[in-house]
Amino acid sequence: YLDEEDKERVNREIEQMKRLESRFTVKLLGTFIQNDEIFLVMELCSKGDLRKVISDLQKLPEKERVMVLSMGDLWSDNKSS
């Protein structure tokens, strides 16, 4: 996050992230800069990170995976939006 081109790209991405409203995305709550680094404050995902969820799903038989996905168990707090 040092040169102007990087700042412009990051700022465009942040603006796009702020506009995302879906139960399938992790919400961006805020940002701050400290010592030339930008930090993104994101919504808590109570089920853990996506890598863990995918790993857990891969252990299930295919029929059970489809059932879990259709029930919406991957998304934090089962949002209704």
N, C-alpha and C. Protein backbone atom coordinates (compact mmCIF):
# COMPACT_ATOMS: atom_id res chain seq x y z
N TYR A 1 0.84 -1.18 0.00
CA TYR A 1 0.00 0.00 0.00
C TYR A 1 0.88 1.23 0.00
N LEU A 2 1.91 1.22 -0.84
CA LEU A 2 2.86 2.33 -0.80
C LEU A 2 2.72 3.31 -1.96
N ASP A 3 2.62 2.84 -3.19
CA ASP A 3 2.58 3.81 -4.29
C ASP A 3 1.13 4.18 -4.63
N GLU A 4 0.97 5.28 -5.37
CA GLU A 4 -0.36 5.82 -5.65
C GLU A 4 -1.23 4.85 -6.45
N GLU A 5 -0.65 4.11 -7.37
CA GLU A 5 -1.42 3.15 -8.16
C GLU A 5 -2.00 2.06 -7.27
N ASP A 6 -1.18 1.56 -6.33
CA ASP A 6 -1.67 0.56 -5.38
C ASP A 6 -2.80 1.13 -4.53
N LYS A 7 -2.64 2.36 -4.07
CA LYS A 7 -3.68 2.99 -3.24
C LYS A 7 -4.99 3.11 -4.00
N GLU A 8 -4.91 3.51 -5.26
CA GLU A 8 -6.12 3.64 -6.07
C GLU A 8 -6.80 2.29 -6.26
N ARG A 9 -6.02 1.26 -6.56
CA ARG A 9 -6.59 -0.09 -6.73
C ARG A 9 -7.24 -0.59 -5.45
N VAL A 10 -6.54 -0.41 -4.34
CA VAL A 10 -7.07 -0.86 -3.05
C VAL A 10 -8.34 -0.10 -2.71
N ASN A 11 -8.33 1.20 -2.91
CA ASN A 11 -9.51 2.00 -2.59
C ASN A 11 -10.70 1.62 -3.46
N ARG A 12 -10.49 1.31 -4.73
CA ARG A 12 -11.58 0.85 -5.60
C ARG A 12 -12.14 -0.48 -5.09
N GLU A 13 -11.24 -1.38 -4.72
CA GLU A 13 -11.67 -2.68 -4.20
C GLU A 13 -12.46 -2.53 -2.91
N ILE A 14 -12.01 -1.64 -2.04
CA ILE A 14 -12.72 -1.40 -0.77
C ILE A 14 -14.11 -0.86 -1.04
N GLU A 15 -14.24 0.06 -1.97
CA GLU A 15 -15.55 0.61 -2.31
C GLU A 15 -16.48 -0.48 -2.84
N GLN A 16 -15.95 -1.37 -3.65
CA GLN A 16 -16.76 -2.49 -4.14
C GLN A 16 -17.18 -3.41 -3.00
N MET A 17 -16.25 -3.68 -2.11
CA MET A 17 -16.56 -4.56 -0.97
C MET A 17 -17.63 -3.95 -0.07
N LYS A 18 -17.62 -2.64 0.11
CA LYS A 18 -18.61 -1.97 0.94
C LYS A 18 -20.02 -2.11 0.37
N ARG A 19 -20.12 -2.23 -0.94
CA ARG A 19 -21.42 -2.32 -1.60
C ARG A 19 -21.98 -3.75 -1.62
N LEU A 20 -21.18 -4.74 -1.30
CA LEU A 20 -21.65 -6.12 -1.33
C LEU A 20 -22.66 -6.38 -0.22
N GLU A 21 -23.80 -6.86 -0.59
CA GLU A 21 -24.84 -7.21 0.38
C GLU A 21 -25.40 -8.57 -0.02
N SER A 22 -24.89 -9.61 0.56
CA SER A 22 -25.35 -10.95 0.24
C SER A 22 -25.06 -11.88 1.41
N ARG A 23 -25.89 -12.87 1.57
CA ARG A 23 -25.61 -13.86 2.62
C ARG A 23 -24.42 -14.73 2.26
N PHE A 24 -23.94 -14.62 1.03
CA PHE A 24 -22.84 -15.44 0.55
C PHE A 24 -21.48 -14.74 0.64
N THR A 25 -21.46 -13.51 1.15
CA THR A 25 -20.20 -12.79 1.26
C THR A 25 -19.95 -12.36 2.70
N VAL A 26 -18.71 -12.23 3.04
CA VAL A 26 -18.33 -11.72 4.36
C VAL A 26 -18.29 -10.20 4.25
N LYS A 27 -19.00 -9.54 5.13
CA LYS A 27 -19.15 -8.08 5.06
C LYS A 27 -17.91 -7.36 5.56
N LEU A 28 -17.53 -6.32 4.82
CA LEU A 28 -16.45 -5.43 5.24
C LEU A 28 -17.05 -4.43 6.22
N LEU A 29 -16.55 -4.39 7.43
CA LEU A 29 -17.08 -3.49 8.46
C LEU A 29 -16.33 -2.17 8.51
N GLY A 30 -15.06 -2.18 8.16
CA GLY A 30 -14.28 -0.95 8.21
C GLY A 30 -12.84 -1.20 7.79
N THR A 31 -12.10 -0.12 7.69
CA THR A 31 -10.68 -0.19 7.34
C THR A 31 -9.90 0.82 8.16
N PHE A 32 -8.60 0.58 8.31
CA PHE A 32 -7.72 1.59 8.89
C PHE A 32 -6.31 1.36 8.38
N ILE A 33 -5.53 2.44 8.41
CA ILE A 33 -4.14 2.39 7.94
C ILE A 33 -3.23 2.63 9.13
N GLN A 34 -2.18 1.81 9.21
CA GLN A 34 -1.20 1.95 10.28
C GLN A 34 0.16 1.58 9.72
N ASN A 35 1.13 2.45 9.86
CA ASN A 35 2.49 2.20 9.38
C ASN A 35 2.52 1.75 7.92
N ASP A 36 1.83 2.47 7.05
CA ASP A 36 1.78 2.18 5.61
C ASP A 36 1.16 0.82 5.27
N GLU A 37 0.40 0.26 6.18
CA GLU A 37 -0.32 -0.98 5.91
C GLU A 37 -1.80 -0.72 6.08
N ILE A 38 -2.61 -1.33 5.23
CA ILE A 38 -4.06 -1.18 5.35
C ILE A 38 -4.63 -2.45 5.97
N PHE A 39 -5.55 -2.26 6.89
CA PHE A 39 -6.19 -3.37 7.58
C PHE A 39 -7.68 -3.35 7.26
N LEU A 40 -8.23 -4.51 6.97
CA LEU A 40 -9.65 -4.66 6.70
C LEU A 40 -10.30 -5.33 7.91
N VAL A 41 -11.34 -4.73 8.42
CA VAL A 41 -12.09 -5.29 9.53
C VAL A 41 -13.32 -5.96 8.93
N MET A 42 -13.37 -7.29 9.06
CA MET A 42 -14.40 -8.08 8.39
C MET A 42 -15.36 -8.68 9.42
N GLU A 43 -16.53 -9.01 8.95
CA GLU A 43 -17.55 -9.69 9.74
C GLU A 43 -17.00 -11.02 10.27
N LEU A 44 -17.39 -11.38 11.47
CA LEU A 44 -16.99 -12.66 12.05
C LEU A 44 -17.76 -13.80 11.39
N CYS A 45 -17.05 -14.82 10.99
CA CYS A 45 -17.68 -16.02 10.42
C CYS A 45 -17.66 -17.09 11.51
N SER A 46 -18.80 -17.30 12.12
CA SER A 46 -18.87 -18.18 13.29
C SER A 46 -18.55 -19.63 12.98
N LYS A 47 -18.62 -20.02 11.73
CA LYS A 47 -18.32 -21.41 11.35
C LYS A 47 -16.85 -21.62 11.00
N GLY A 48 -16.01 -20.60 11.15
CA GLY A 48 -14.60 -20.72 10.83
C GLY A 48 -14.29 -20.23 9.43
N ASP A 49 -13.05 -20.43 9.01
CA ASP A 49 -12.67 -19.94 7.68
C ASP A 49 -13.11 -20.90 6.58
N LEU A 50 -13.14 -20.40 5.37
CA LEU A 50 -13.63 -21.18 4.23
C LEU A 50 -12.80 -22.43 4.00
N ARG A 51 -11.51 -22.35 4.22
CA ARG A 51 -10.65 -23.53 4.04
C ARG A 51 -11.09 -24.67 4.95
N LYS A 52 -11.42 -24.36 6.20
CA LYS A 52 -11.87 -25.39 7.13
C LYS A 52 -13.22 -25.96 6.70
N VAL A 53 -14.13 -25.09 6.27
CA VAL A 53 -15.45 -25.55 5.84
C VAL A 53 -15.31 -26.48 4.64
N ILE A 54 -14.49 -26.09 3.66
CA ILE A 54 -14.28 -26.93 2.48
C ILE A 54 -13.65 -28.27 2.86
N SER A 55 -12.67 -28.23 3.74
CA SER A 55 -12.01 -29.45 4.18
C SER A 55 -13.01 -30.38 4.88
N ASP A 56 -13.86 -29.81 5.74
CA ASP A 56 -14.87 -30.62 6.42
C ASP A 56 -15.87 -31.21 5.43
N LEU A 57 -16.27 -30.40 4.44
CA LEU A 57 -17.23 -30.89 3.44
C LEU A 57 -16.64 -32.03 2.61
N GLN A 58 -15.36 -31.96 2.31
CA GLN A 58 -14.74 -32.99 1.48
C GLN A 58 -14.73 -34.35 2.18
N LYS A 59 -14.88 -34.35 3.47
CA LYS A 59 -14.89 -35.61 4.23
C LYS A 59 -16.26 -36.29 4.16
N LEU A 60 -17.28 -35.55 3.74
CA LEU A 60 -18.63 -36.10 3.68
C LEU A 60 -18.89 -36.78 2.35
N PRO A 61 -19.78 -37.78 2.32
CA PRO A 61 -20.20 -38.35 1.04
C PRO A 61 -20.90 -37.27 0.20
N GLU A 62 -20.88 -37.41 -1.11
CA GLU A 62 -21.39 -36.37 -2.01
C GLU A 62 -22.84 -35.98 -1.70
N LYS A 63 -23.70 -36.97 -1.44
CA LYS A 63 -25.11 -36.66 -1.14
C LYS A 63 -25.24 -35.76 0.08
N GLU A 64 -24.43 -36.01 1.09
CA GLU A 64 -24.48 -35.17 2.30
C GLU A 64 -23.94 -33.78 2.01
N ARG A 65 -22.90 -33.66 1.17
CA ARG A 65 -22.37 -32.34 0.80
C ARG A 65 -23.46 -31.49 0.14
N VAL A 66 -24.18 -32.10 -0.78
CA VAL A 66 -25.24 -31.37 -1.48
C VAL A 66 -26.30 -30.91 -0.48
N MET A 67 -26.63 -31.78 0.46
CA MET A 67 -27.64 -31.43 1.46
C MET A 67 -27.16 -30.25 2.32
N VAL A 68 -25.92 -30.30 2.76
CA VAL A 68 -25.38 -29.22 3.59
C VAL A 68 -25.40 -27.91 2.82
N LEU A 69 -24.96 -27.93 1.57
CA LEU A 69 -24.95 -26.72 0.76
C LEU A 69 -26.35 -26.17 0.55
N SER A 70 -27.30 -27.02 0.32
CA SER A 70 -28.66 -26.56 0.07
C SER A 70 -29.31 -26.01 1.34
N MET A 71 -28.87 -26.45 2.49
CA MET A 71 -29.41 -25.95 3.75
C MET A 71 -28.79 -24.61 4.14
N GLY A 72 -27.69 -24.24 3.52
CA GLY A 72 -27.08 -22.95 3.82
C GLY A 72 -26.21 -22.95 5.05
N ASP A 73 -25.69 -24.11 5.46
CA ASP A 73 -24.87 -24.17 6.67
C ASP A 73 -23.52 -23.47 6.55
N LEU A 74 -23.11 -23.07 5.36
CA LEU A 74 -21.79 -22.45 5.20
C LEU A 74 -21.76 -21.00 5.64
N TRP A 75 -22.90 -20.36 5.68
CA TRP A 75 -22.90 -18.90 5.87
C TRP A 75 -23.14 -18.54 7.31
N SER A 76 -22.39 -17.54 7.75
CA SER A 76 -22.44 -17.17 9.16
C SER A 76 -23.83 -16.74 9.55
N ASP A 77 -24.30 -17.26 10.64
CA ASP A 77 -25.56 -16.89 11.28
C ASP A 77 -26.78 -17.08 10.39
N ASN A 78 -26.67 -17.87 9.29
CA ASN A 78 -27.82 -18.15 8.42
C ASN A 78 -28.64 -16.91 8.12
N LYS A 79 -28.00 -15.87 7.63
CA LYS A 79 -28.65 -14.61 7.30
C LYS A 79 -29.79 -14.85 6.31
N SER A 80 -30.81 -14.07 6.40
CA SER A 80 -31.96 -14.24 5.52
C SER A 80 -31.97 -13.26 4.36
N SER A 81 -30.97 -12.41 4.20
CA SER A 81 -30.97 -11.45 3.09
C SER A 81 -30.55 -12.08 1.80
